[in-house]
Amino acid sequence: MASKPFSKSVFTFYRFVRRRLGNPTGQHHHQRSTSGIPTYPEIIEGCPVACKDDAQVQNEVLILDIEGGLLRSQSLFPYFILVAIEAGSFLRGLILLCLYPLLSFLTQEVQSRVMAMVCFLGLTEEKVTRVARATLPKHFLEDIGWEGLEVVRGFKRVVGVSRMIPRVMLEDFLKEYIGLEMVVGRELKIVRGRYVGLLETEGERRLSLDKLEGTQMVGFGSSSSYFNHNHHQLFTCCKEVYLVTAEQKKQWSTLPRDQYPRPLIFHDGRLAFKPTPQATLAMFMWLPFAVPLTVLRTLIFVNLPYSISLPIGSASGVTTRVIKNPIPATGNANHRALAQPNLQGHLYVCNHRTLLDPVYISVMLNKKVSAVTYSVSRISELLSPIQTIRLTRNRDEDRRRMEHSLKKGDLVICPEGTTCREPYLLRFSPLFVELVDEVYPVALVNWSYMFYGTSTGRSKYMDHFYYFMNPHPAYVIEFMDRMPTHVVINGRRCESYDVANMLQGEISRVLGFEPTKLTRKDKYMILAGNEGVMDTKQ
């Protein structure tokens, strides 16, 4: 094999640390050759893919240091506080934030143990697992270095090793989104289904890698973390260890959304920002103002006439922009009277961003409309300034209810059936196509810079409160040209699902979103492990 370039200073430092940290018992600190002489992995600066040919890479197993070889950030605080707030409470997150100045004076090992104690103590496995599956992947994907992911893509088999992050926080993300074969991380002790906040010792993790004994393994990580906390012991099973320097990692670029190994369509959680210590401090400073403000904004939209609620809401920081004037209530009345004399109202069809979508459409139209809902809390229905019609998921009954509502006036429907935060549109249910001869599409997009106004958990009744807690919540509404529901292509009348797909494509085109075939059931099964049926008592 041709000689490979490596950093002389790094290799010299490695030999120094090896002598200082030598294990007198000889367990797990090194391999032994057939002659009984201890051997150590060769330390090489750079990325393994750049130094090897494709045939070599395909026959080797990559041992990946997650913190040093995949994530760009050196701070683990954002991931721990996400667990503290999303699986615990804001009070738990505040306690962790108050401890942060003291943590900065401690070693990484002690920091991880303290943060794990604060975040996990008393939490159930179910809550933590849900946050790991539904909330953390978004933040991990945004922290991945493009260069690190290229190394992972170059190997057929990859095993992830975490120095400080508990395995329960990483495993779902690394297996589902990155495609790793196995994840070795810190284990948390559990008593009667609840975490006690204690991390395992470092030596216990090394046993997991013994399962790969007999295969050719290559390590990849950061030189700044390789010598910390005996982390190098986990790479002694490798014949080579490739290290990138701290200066090289600072130049790593953010992974573009279109380069995600798997599209991020669904995610949950209330925080809409990466909770760094500075950003988290700003959020807690804002909360005392946010709570009375969200109550004020709710009262404005619920009680005041539309003609004055919009300007007062704008004065409180709510930004609303409308593109193209809304269709007047009397538009095309003669044609509709001849075609369908029993229907008086327009049917507005929109994509679904938050529960406030129909309210904003009603405000822009400056008139009352009705909206269909499914599995919405009773509190949300009581606070709604417009009439809501609860659907049953029984096709005949739902059709009857919507036809009855259309006879009374205009109706707004969100055929996706649930909200989607990312720039994607879920599959449109085609029932609305069978109700009228034409529909009025509406394209909606909104921004939440601090809190998401949607959720899949038991606190759905708080959704609109969280949305109005944002300093400057923003909505853009575009009223599109009306679209016929009876479409003939090549002499054949399109089925209702074809028309629904066409409308989904048109709204996607206007918004710059990507249409999908995913449904409401898919979303809730991925994020919550259920079909998304709301308890009617909530």
Protein backbone atom coordinates (compact mmCIF):
# COMPACT_ATOMS: atom_id res chain seq x y z
CA MET A 1 0.00 0.00 0.00
CA ALA A 2 1.30 3.44 -0.89
CA SER A 3 2.22 5.64 2.04
CA LYS A 4 -0.41 8.17 3.08
CA PRO A 5 0.19 11.75 4.21
CA PHE A 6 -0.31 12.47 7.90
CA SER A 7 0.30 15.26 10.37
CA LYS A 8 3.62 14.76 12.15
CA SER A 9 2.55 16.90 15.10
CA VAL A 10 -0.71 14.98 15.56
CA PHE A 11 1.11 11.65 15.38
CA THR A 12 3.75 12.79 17.87
CA PHE A 13 1.04 14.00 20.26
CA TYR A 14 -0.76 10.68 19.86
CA ARG A 15 2.37 8.73 20.85
CA PHE A 16 2.79 11.02 23.88
CA VAL A 17 -0.81 10.47 24.99
CA ARG A 18 -0.49 6.75 24.36
CA ARG A 19 2.43 6.57 26.78
CA ARG A 20 0.65 8.73 29.38
CA LEU A 21 -2.65 6.81 29.14
CA GLY A 22 -1.18 3.36 28.71
CA ASN A 23 -3.36 0.64 30.23
CA PRO A 24 -1.34 -1.68 32.49
CA THR A 25 -3.94 -4.41 32.13
CA GLY A 26 -3.90 -4.21 28.36
CA GLN A 27 -7.75 -4.33 28.09
CA HIS A 28 -9.31 -2.59 25.08
CA HIS A 29 -6.53 0.02 24.78
CA HIS A 30 -4.78 -1.64 21.89
CA GLN A 31 -4.67 -4.63 19.68
CA ARG A 32 -1.92 -7.22 19.70
CA SER A 33 -0.23 -8.61 16.68
CA THR A 34 0.39 -12.32 16.30
CA SER A 35 3.84 -11.82 17.84
CA GLY A 36 2.29 -10.33 20.98
CA ILE A 37 3.65 -6.84 20.33
CA PRO A 38 1.01 -4.10 20.88
CA THR A 39 -0.09 -2.30 17.69
CA TYR A 40 -1.97 1.00 17.34
CA PRO A 41 -3.99 2.50 14.50
CA GLU A 42 -2.17 4.71 12.05
CA ILE A 43 -3.12 8.37 12.53
CA ILE A 44 -3.77 10.17 9.23
CA GLU A 45 -4.88 13.74 8.68
CA GLY A 46 -7.78 14.25 6.28
CA CYS A 47 -10.80 12.26 5.08
CA PRO A 48 -10.65 8.53 4.31
CA VAL A 49 -12.60 8.82 1.06
CA ALA A 50 -10.04 11.27 -0.34
CA CYS A 51 -7.16 8.88 0.47
CA LYS A 52 -8.68 5.60 -0.75
CA ASP A 53 -10.06 4.09 -3.91
CA ASP A 54 -13.68 2.95 -4.18
CA ALA A 55 -12.88 -0.76 -3.93
CA GLN A 56 -11.07 -0.29 -0.62
CA VAL A 57 -13.86 1.83 0.86
CA GLN A 58 -16.59 -0.67 -0.03
CA ASN A 59 -14.84 -3.48 1.87
CA GLU A 60 -14.29 -1.53 5.10
CA VAL A 61 -16.49 -0.47 8.01
CA LEU A 62 -16.36 3.20 8.97
CA ILE A 63 -16.30 3.93 12.71
CA LEU A 64 -17.70 7.48 12.74
CA ASP A 65 -17.21 9.90 15.61
CA ILE A 66 -20.59 11.67 15.51
CA GLU A 67 -19.57 14.85 17.32
CA GLY A 68 -16.17 15.13 15.66
CA GLY A 69 -16.81 13.72 12.19
CA LEU A 70 -20.42 14.61 11.35
CA LEU A 71 -21.76 17.58 13.35
CA ARG A 72 -20.30 21.04 12.81
CA SER A 73 -21.14 22.52 16.21
CA GLN A 74 -18.91 21.88 19.19
CA SER A 75 -21.68 22.65 21.71
CA LEU A 76 -24.15 19.96 22.78
CA PHE A 77 -26.25 22.37 24.87
CA PRO A 78 -28.97 22.88 22.17
CA TYR A 79 -29.76 19.16 21.97
CA PHE A 80 -29.97 18.66 25.71
CA ILE A 81 -32.19 21.70 26.25
CA LEU A 82 -34.51 20.52 23.47
CA VAL A 83 -35.07 17.36 25.48
CA ALA A 84 -35.46 19.40 28.67
CA ILE A 85 -38.16 21.67 27.19
CA GLU A 86 -39.94 19.42 24.69
CA ALA A 87 -40.02 16.27 26.84
CA GLY A 88 -40.04 18.11 30.16
CA SER A 89 -41.08 21.72 30.65
CA PHE A 90 -39.92 25.30 30.29
CA LEU A 91 -38.99 25.27 33.98
CA ARG A 92 -36.61 22.37 33.41
CA GLY A 93 -35.09 24.25 30.48
CA LEU A 94 -34.68 27.38 32.61
CA ILE A 95 -32.81 25.39 35.25
CA LEU A 96 -30.42 24.05 32.62
CA LEU A 97 -29.91 27.54 31.20
CA CYS A 98 -29.07 28.92 34.66
CA LEU A 99 -26.45 26.19 35.09
CA TYR A 100 -24.82 26.92 31.73
CA PRO A 101 -22.32 29.56 32.99
CA LEU A 102 -21.04 27.07 35.55
CA LEU A 103 -20.87 24.26 32.98
CA SER A 104 -18.48 26.28 30.82
CA PHE A 105 -15.79 25.85 33.49
CA LEU A 106 -16.13 22.06 33.59
CA THR A 107 -14.79 19.32 31.34
CA GLN A 108 -16.98 17.92 28.57
CA GLU A 109 -17.49 14.70 30.50
CA VAL A 110 -18.77 16.50 33.58
CA GLN A 111 -20.89 18.83 31.43
CA SER A 112 -22.63 15.85 29.81
CA ARG A 113 -23.31 14.22 33.15
CA VAL A 114 -24.81 17.38 34.66
CA MET A 115 -26.93 18.14 31.57
CA ALA A 116 -28.15 14.54 31.43
CA MET A 117 -29.15 14.69 35.09
CA VAL A 118 -31.13 17.93 34.65
CA CYS A 119 -32.76 16.92 31.35
CA PHE A 120 -33.65 13.27 31.95
CA LEU A 121 -34.32 12.94 35.67
CA GLY A 122 -37.89 11.68 36.10
CA LEU A 123 -38.82 11.63 32.39
CA THR A 124 -40.49 8.55 30.92
CA GLU A 125 -39.03 6.54 28.05
CA GLU A 126 -42.07 7.35 25.92
CA LYS A 127 -41.62 11.12 26.13
CA VAL A 128 -37.89 11.02 25.41
CA THR A 129 -38.30 8.57 22.52
CA ARG A 130 -40.94 10.77 20.93
CA VAL A 131 -38.73 13.86 21.10
CA ALA A 132 -35.82 11.87 19.66
CA ARG A 133 -37.99 10.68 16.78
CA ALA A 134 -40.01 13.82 16.01
CA THR A 135 -38.03 16.87 17.19
CA LEU A 136 -34.27 16.28 17.25
CA PRO A 137 -33.79 15.13 13.60
CA LYS A 138 -34.55 18.63 12.26
CA HIS A 139 -31.86 20.21 14.44
CA PHE A 140 -29.33 17.45 13.78
CA LEU A 141 -29.81 17.80 10.01
CA GLU A 142 -29.25 21.54 10.20
CA ASP A 143 -25.97 20.91 12.07
CA ILE A 144 -24.51 18.29 9.71
CA GLY A 145 -21.37 19.26 7.82
CA TRP A 146 -21.55 18.57 4.10
CA GLU A 147 -17.95 17.33 4.12
CA GLY A 148 -18.63 14.90 6.95
CA LEU A 149 -21.68 13.46 5.21
CA GLU A 150 -19.64 12.91 2.04
CA VAL A 151 -17.35 10.64 4.05
CA VAL A 152 -20.36 8.65 5.32
CA ARG A 153 -21.76 8.29 1.82
CA GLY A 154 -18.46 6.83 0.65
CA PHE A 155 -18.78 3.74 2.86
CA LYS A 156 -21.24 0.89 2.53
CA ARG A 157 -21.21 0.10 6.27
CA VAL A 158 -21.03 2.83 8.92
CA VAL A 159 -21.13 2.56 12.70
CA GLY A 160 -21.72 5.78 14.64
CA VAL A 161 -19.94 6.37 17.95
CA SER A 162 -21.04 9.19 20.26
CA ARG A 163 -18.76 10.52 22.97
CA MET A 164 -21.20 12.66 24.92
CA ILE A 165 -24.73 12.44 23.48
CA PRO A 166 -26.87 9.62 24.91
CA ARG A 167 -27.75 6.91 22.42
CA VAL A 168 -31.50 7.42 22.89
CA MET A 169 -31.16 10.96 21.47
CA LEU A 170 -29.21 9.87 18.38
CA GLU A 171 -30.21 6.41 17.29
CA ASP A 172 -33.50 7.13 15.49
CA PHE A 173 -31.99 10.04 13.58
CA LEU A 174 -28.78 8.25 12.54
CA LYS A 175 -30.54 5.08 11.40
CA GLU A 176 -33.57 6.65 9.72
CA TYR A 177 -32.01 9.72 8.08
CA ILE A 178 -28.32 8.83 7.64
CA GLY A 179 -28.63 5.07 7.23
CA LEU A 180 -26.07 3.95 9.82
CA GLU A 181 -25.84 0.26 10.58
CA MET A 182 -25.30 0.61 14.32
CA VAL A 183 -25.10 3.40 16.89
CA VAL A 184 -22.87 3.19 19.96
CA GLY A 185 -23.56 5.92 22.51
CA ARG A 186 -23.85 6.68 26.19
CA GLU A 187 -26.58 4.73 27.93
CA LEU A 188 -28.88 6.24 30.55
CA LYS A 189 -29.99 4.27 33.57
CA ILE A 190 -33.73 3.58 33.88
CA VAL A 191 -35.71 2.58 36.95
CA ARG A 192 -39.35 1.49 36.51
CA GLY A 193 -39.68 3.14 33.12
CA ARG A 194 -38.22 6.49 34.15
CA TYR A 195 -34.78 7.92 33.66
CA VAL A 196 -32.72 8.64 36.77
CA GLY A 197 -30.36 10.95 34.89
CA LEU A 198 -27.18 8.89 35.32
CA LEU A 199 -24.87 8.14 32.39
CA GLU A 200 -22.95 4.92 32.06
CA THR A 201 -19.17 4.91 32.43
CA GLU A 202 -16.96 5.32 29.36
CA GLY A 203 -15.64 1.77 29.42
CA GLU A 204 -19.06 0.14 28.97
CA ARG A 205 -19.46 1.47 25.43
CA ARG A 206 -16.33 -0.24 24.11
CA LEU A 207 -17.93 -3.66 24.45
CA SER A 208 -20.48 -2.82 21.71
CA LEU A 209 -17.74 -2.52 19.09
CA ASP A 210 -16.44 -6.01 19.86
CA LYS A 211 -19.33 -7.34 17.74
CA LEU A 212 -17.48 -6.07 14.65
CA GLU A 213 -14.30 -7.95 15.47
CA GLY A 214 -12.81 -9.60 12.41
CA THR A 215 -13.79 -6.84 9.96
CA GLN A 216 -11.54 -4.15 8.56
CA MET A 217 -12.42 -0.90 10.30
CA VAL A 218 -11.44 2.71 9.62
CA GLY A 219 -12.03 5.51 12.10
CA PHE A 220 -13.01 9.09 11.27
CA GLY A 221 -13.29 11.98 13.71
CA SER A 222 -11.82 15.25 14.90
CA SER A 223 -8.31 15.67 16.24
CA SER A 224 -9.68 18.01 18.95
CA SER A 225 -11.85 15.21 20.38
CA TYR A 226 -9.67 12.18 19.67
CA PHE A 227 -7.56 12.56 22.79
CA ASN A 228 -10.36 13.60 25.14
CA HIS A 229 -11.76 11.25 27.79
CA ASN A 230 -9.92 8.21 26.44
CA HIS A 231 -12.03 8.48 23.30
CA HIS A 232 -9.10 7.05 21.35
CA GLN A 233 -9.78 3.70 23.02
CA LEU A 234 -12.88 3.28 20.87
CA PHE A 235 -10.72 3.49 17.73
CA THR A 236 -8.04 0.99 18.72
CA CYS A 237 -10.00 -1.66 16.80
CA CYS A 238 -9.33 0.35 13.61
CA LYS A 239 -6.29 -0.14 11.44
CA GLU A 240 -6.37 3.56 10.51
CA VAL A 241 -7.89 6.67 12.06
CA TYR A 242 -8.45 9.76 9.92
CA LEU A 243 -8.67 13.07 11.78
CA VAL A 244 -9.75 16.54 10.69
CA THR A 245 -8.40 19.54 12.56
CA ALA A 246 -10.50 22.17 14.32
CA GLU A 247 -9.52 24.70 11.63
CA GLN A 248 -10.78 22.38 8.90
CA LYS A 249 -14.09 21.81 10.67
CA LYS A 250 -14.68 25.56 10.95
CA GLN A 251 -14.71 25.68 7.14
CA TRP A 252 -17.29 22.91 6.78
CA SER A 253 -20.40 24.08 4.98
CA THR A 254 -24.03 23.62 6.01
CA LEU A 255 -25.82 20.74 4.34
CA PRO A 256 -28.38 22.13 1.82
CA ARG A 257 -31.94 20.92 2.22
CA ASP A 258 -31.93 19.28 -1.22
CA GLN A 259 -28.93 17.21 -0.13
CA TYR A 260 -30.59 15.67 2.92
CA PRO A 261 -30.21 11.87 2.75
CA ARG A 262 -33.95 11.68 3.43
CA PRO A 263 -36.38 14.60 3.00
CA LEU A 264 -37.45 16.26 6.25
CA ILE A 265 -41.21 16.60 5.73
CA PHE A 266 -42.56 16.08 9.24
CA HIS A 267 -41.23 17.25 12.58
CA ASP A 268 -42.73 18.25 15.90
CA GLY A 269 -41.86 20.39 18.90
CA ARG A 270 -42.63 23.95 19.90
CA LEU A 271 -39.26 25.68 19.43
CA ALA A 272 -38.78 27.07 15.93
CA PHE A 273 -35.11 28.05 16.40
CA LYS A 274 -31.87 26.36 17.37
CA PRO A 275 -31.76 26.86 21.16
CA THR A 276 -28.21 28.04 21.63
CA PRO A 277 -27.53 29.57 25.08
CA GLN A 278 -27.91 33.10 23.71
CA ALA A 279 -31.11 32.34 21.77
CA THR A 280 -32.60 30.45 24.71
CA LEU A 281 -31.87 33.37 27.03
CA ALA A 282 -33.63 35.70 24.60
CA MET A 283 -36.66 33.38 24.54
CA PHE A 284 -36.96 33.31 28.34
CA MET A 285 -36.63 37.10 28.46
CA TRP A 286 -39.44 37.35 25.90
CA LEU A 287 -41.85 34.92 27.66
CA PRO A 288 -43.14 37.41 30.29
CA PHE A 289 -44.22 39.69 27.43
CA ALA A 290 -45.38 36.86 25.14
CA VAL A 291 -48.03 35.44 27.47
CA PRO A 292 -50.15 38.63 27.87
CA LEU A 293 -49.50 39.48 24.22
CA THR A 294 -50.94 36.20 22.94
CA VAL A 295 -54.04 36.74 25.09
CA LEU A 296 -54.45 40.26 23.66
CA ARG A 297 -54.01 39.08 20.06
CA THR A 298 -56.51 36.26 20.60
CA LEU A 299 -59.11 38.66 21.99
CA ILE A 300 -58.56 41.00 19.02
CA PHE A 301 -59.20 38.28 16.44
CA VAL A 302 -62.09 36.68 18.34
CA ASN A 303 -64.11 39.70 19.45
CA LEU A 304 -63.43 42.67 17.16
CA PRO A 305 -64.93 43.22 13.70
CA TYR A 306 -62.64 42.33 10.83
CA SER A 307 -62.45 45.91 9.62
CA ILE A 308 -60.55 46.95 12.76
CA SER A 309 -59.06 43.64 14.00
CA LEU A 310 -56.55 43.56 11.14
CA PRO A 311 -55.01 47.03 11.70
CA ILE A 312 -54.99 46.57 15.49
CA GLY A 313 -53.42 43.15 15.06
CA SER A 314 -50.77 44.68 12.80
CA ALA A 315 -50.00 47.26 15.48
CA SER A 316 -49.35 44.39 17.91
CA GLY A 317 -46.79 42.84 15.55
CA VAL A 318 -48.92 40.44 13.47
CA THR A 319 -47.86 40.76 9.83
CA THR A 320 -50.36 39.91 7.11
CA ARG A 321 -49.92 40.26 3.37
CA VAL A 322 -52.48 39.47 0.69
CA ILE A 323 -51.58 38.87 -2.95
CA LYS A 324 -54.33 39.54 -5.49
CA ASN A 325 -57.67 40.90 -4.40
CA PRO A 326 -60.08 38.29 -3.02
CA ILE A 327 -62.99 37.14 -5.16
CA PRO A 328 -66.06 39.28 -4.36
CA ALA A 329 -68.99 37.50 -2.75
CA THR A 330 -71.24 38.16 -5.77
CA GLY A 331 -68.72 37.01 -8.37
CA ASN A 332 -70.14 34.68 -11.08
CA ALA A 333 -73.47 34.50 -9.27
CA ASN A 334 -75.58 34.03 -12.44
CA HIS A 335 -73.54 31.11 -13.65
CA ARG A 336 -73.66 29.40 -10.27
CA ALA A 337 -77.39 29.98 -9.92
CA LEU A 338 -78.01 28.24 -13.26
CA ALA A 339 -75.56 25.42 -12.72
CA GLN A 340 -76.27 24.63 -9.07
CA PRO A 341 -79.28 26.52 -7.74
CA ASN A 342 -79.09 24.83 -4.34
CA LEU A 343 -75.61 26.13 -3.57
CA GLN A 344 -75.09 29.75 -2.58
CA GLY A 345 -71.57 29.85 -1.20
CA HIS A 346 -68.07 29.70 -2.65
CA LEU A 347 -65.78 26.82 -1.77
CA TYR A 348 -62.26 28.02 -0.89
CA VAL A 349 -59.61 25.32 -0.97
CA CYS A 350 -56.26 26.01 0.70
CA ASN A 351 -53.14 24.28 1.90
CA HIS A 352 -52.90 23.88 5.67
CA ARG A 353 -50.28 25.71 7.76
CA THR A 354 -52.01 26.40 11.11
CA LEU A 355 -55.50 26.31 12.60
CA LEU A 356 -55.75 30.02 11.77
CA ASP A 357 -55.80 29.47 7.98
CA PRO A 358 -59.61 29.81 7.61
CA VAL A 359 -59.63 32.79 9.99
CA TYR A 360 -57.09 34.67 7.88
CA ILE A 361 -59.06 33.88 4.71
CA SER A 362 -62.20 35.17 6.40
CA VAL A 363 -60.40 38.37 7.46
CA MET A 364 -59.08 38.96 3.93
CA LEU A 365 -62.56 38.40 2.48
CA ASN A 366 -63.96 40.71 5.18
CA LYS A 367 -66.90 38.39 5.81
CA LYS A 368 -67.81 35.37 7.86
CA VAL A 369 -67.06 31.96 6.39
CA SER A 370 -67.36 28.44 7.76
CA ALA A 371 -64.48 25.98 8.06
CA VAL A 372 -64.37 22.20 8.24
CA THR A 373 -62.26 20.65 10.98
CA TYR A 374 -61.27 17.18 12.05
CA SER A 375 -59.95 16.14 15.44
CA VAL A 376 -59.64 19.71 16.73
CA SER A 377 -59.87 20.41 20.44
CA ARG A 378 -63.11 21.81 21.88
CA ILE A 379 -61.19 24.80 23.24
CA SER A 380 -60.05 25.72 19.71
CA GLU A 381 -63.61 25.42 18.43
CA LEU A 382 -64.98 27.61 21.23
CA LEU A 383 -62.38 30.31 20.60
CA SER A 384 -62.83 30.27 16.82
CA PRO A 385 -64.29 33.54 15.50
CA ILE A 386 -65.84 31.64 12.58
CA GLN A 387 -68.22 28.69 12.49
CA THR A 388 -66.55 25.27 12.41
CA ILE A 389 -68.00 22.03 11.01
CA ARG A 390 -66.49 18.92 12.57
CA LEU A 391 -65.93 16.09 10.07
CA THR A 392 -66.35 12.44 10.96
CA ARG A 393 -64.20 10.69 8.30
CA ASN A 394 -67.39 9.04 7.12
CA ARG A 395 -67.54 10.04 3.47
CA ASP A 396 -71.33 10.23 3.10
CA GLU A 397 -71.83 12.09 6.38
CA ASP A 398 -69.00 14.52 5.68
CA ARG A 399 -70.38 15.26 2.22
CA ARG A 400 -73.81 15.95 3.70
CA ARG A 401 -72.36 18.35 6.29
CA MET A 402 -70.32 20.30 3.73
CA GLU A 403 -73.22 20.58 1.29
CA HIS A 404 -75.42 21.86 4.09
CA SER A 405 -72.81 24.46 5.02
CA LEU A 406 -72.41 25.61 1.40
CA LYS A 407 -76.13 26.29 1.20
CA LYS A 408 -75.70 28.79 4.02
CA GLY A 409 -72.61 30.57 2.72
CA ASP A 410 -68.92 30.32 1.89
CA LEU A 411 -66.88 27.39 3.11
CA VAL A 412 -63.12 26.94 3.61
CA ILE A 413 -61.63 23.47 3.40
CA CYS A 414 -58.06 22.22 3.87
CA PRO A 415 -58.00 18.93 1.93
CA GLU A 416 -54.61 17.92 3.35
CA GLY A 417 -56.40 17.17 6.61
CA THR A 418 -53.47 18.28 8.75
CA THR A 419 -50.78 20.94 8.87
CA CYS A 420 -47.33 20.70 7.32
CA ARG A 421 -44.52 23.01 8.49
CA GLU A 422 -42.03 22.35 5.74
CA PRO A 423 -42.29 23.38 2.05
CA TYR A 424 -44.32 20.31 1.09
CA LEU A 425 -47.98 19.66 0.37
CA LEU A 426 -49.64 16.46 1.52
CA ARG A 427 -52.10 14.54 -0.65
CA PHE A 428 -55.43 16.32 -1.19
CA SER A 429 -58.56 14.38 -0.24
CA PRO A 430 -60.80 14.50 -3.38
CA LEU A 431 -64.21 14.78 -1.68
CA PHE A 432 -64.40 18.56 -2.22
CA VAL A 433 -64.25 18.05 -6.01
CA GLU A 434 -67.64 16.35 -5.95
CA LEU A 435 -69.40 19.23 -4.17
CA VAL A 436 -69.21 22.12 -6.65
CA ASP A 437 -68.49 22.95 -10.28
CA GLU A 438 -65.61 25.27 -9.41
CA VAL A 439 -63.38 26.01 -6.46
CA TYR A 440 -61.36 29.02 -5.37
CA PRO A 441 -57.78 27.96 -4.53
CA VAL A 442 -55.88 29.88 -1.86
CA ALA A 443 -52.13 29.53 -1.33
CA LEU A 444 -50.90 30.17 2.22
CA VAL A 445 -47.47 30.46 3.78
CA ASN A 446 -46.56 31.57 7.29
CA TRP A 447 -43.45 32.15 9.41
CA SER A 448 -42.90 31.35 13.07
CA TYR A 449 -39.52 32.53 14.28
CA MET A 450 -39.70 31.42 17.92
CA PHE A 451 -42.64 29.03 18.51
CA TYR A 452 -44.49 26.68 16.18
CA GLY A 453 -48.27 27.04 16.21
CA THR A 454 -48.85 23.36 15.36
CA SER A 455 -48.35 20.13 17.26
CA THR A 456 -49.26 16.45 17.29
CA GLY A 457 -49.27 16.03 21.07
CA ARG A 458 -51.87 16.47 23.74
CA SER A 459 -51.42 20.24 23.89
CA LYS A 460 -53.03 20.94 20.50
CA TYR A 461 -55.51 23.25 22.23
CA MET A 462 -52.52 25.59 22.81
CA ASP A 463 -51.57 25.79 19.12
CA HIS A 464 -52.92 29.24 18.28
CA PHE A 465 -51.64 30.62 21.61
CA TYR A 466 -48.11 29.51 20.73
CA TYR A 467 -48.43 31.03 17.27
CA PHE A 468 -49.42 34.43 18.69
CA MET A 469 -46.55 34.20 21.21
CA ASN A 470 -44.10 34.85 18.36
CA PRO A 471 -42.75 38.42 18.34
CA HIS A 472 -43.73 38.90 14.67
CA PRO A 473 -45.92 36.09 13.31
CA ALA A 474 -46.41 36.51 9.57
CA TYR A 475 -48.91 35.23 7.00
CA VAL A 476 -49.00 35.62 3.22
CA ILE A 477 -52.28 34.76 1.49
CA GLU A 478 -52.61 34.51 -2.29
CA PHE A 479 -56.05 34.14 -3.85
CA MET A 480 -55.65 32.22 -7.10
CA ASP A 481 -57.94 32.10 -10.13
CA ARG A 482 -60.94 29.86 -9.71
CA MET A 483 -60.56 26.35 -11.06
CA PRO A 484 -63.26 24.09 -12.57
CA THR A 485 -63.80 20.68 -11.02
CA HIS A 486 -65.04 19.12 -14.25
CA VAL A 487 -61.92 18.66 -16.34
CA VAL A 488 -61.81 16.83 -19.68
CA ILE A 489 -58.44 15.68 -21.09
CA ASN A 490 -58.22 13.86 -24.44
CA GLY A 491 -61.96 13.37 -24.48
CA ARG A 492 -61.99 11.71 -21.04
CA ARG A 493 -63.40 13.32 -17.93
CA CYS A 494 -60.87 13.29 -15.11
CA GLU A 495 -61.69 11.48 -11.91
CA SER A 496 -62.07 13.46 -8.70
CA TYR A 497 -58.66 12.38 -7.38
CA ASP A 498 -57.03 13.57 -10.64
CA VAL A 499 -58.57 17.02 -10.19
CA ALA A 500 -57.48 17.07 -6.55
CA ASN A 501 -53.92 16.25 -7.65
CA MET A 502 -54.06 19.04 -10.25
CA LEU A 503 -55.12 21.55 -7.61
CA GLN A 504 -52.40 20.32 -5.26
CA GLY A 505 -49.88 20.82 -8.08
CA GLU A 506 -51.10 24.35 -8.82
CA ILE A 507 -50.89 25.48 -5.21
CA SER A 508 -47.45 23.83 -4.94
CA ARG A 509 -46.28 25.70 -8.02
CA VAL A 510 -47.46 29.07 -6.68
CA LEU A 511 -45.78 28.50 -3.31
CA GLY A 512 -42.66 26.81 -4.64
CA PHE A 513 -43.47 23.75 -2.52
CA GLU A 514 -43.15 20.09 -3.43
CA PRO A 515 -46.31 17.94 -3.66
CA THR A 516 -46.26 14.53 -1.96
CA LYS A 517 -48.52 11.50 -1.68
CA LEU A 518 -48.27 11.44 2.11
CA THR A 519 -51.44 11.73 4.18
CA ARG A 520 -52.56 12.87 7.60
CA LYS A 521 -52.31 9.28 8.86
CA ASP A 522 -48.70 9.05 7.65
CA LYS A 523 -47.79 12.19 9.56
CA TYR A 524 -49.23 11.07 12.86
CA MET A 525 -47.86 7.56 12.57
CA ILE A 526 -44.36 8.97 11.98
CA LEU A 527 -44.44 11.64 14.68
CA ALA A 528 -46.81 10.32 17.33
CA GLY A 529 -47.29 6.63 16.63
CA ASN A 530 -51.07 7.01 16.33
CA GLU A 531 -53.68 8.03 13.75
CA GLY A 532 -54.13 11.53 15.12
CA VAL A 533 -57.60 11.20 16.61
CA MET A 534 -58.15 13.96 19.15
CA ASP A 535 -59.82 13.26 22.47
CA THR A 536 -63.12 15.09 22.16
CA LYS A 537 -62.96 16.09 25.83
CA GLN A 538 -59.89 18.26 25.25
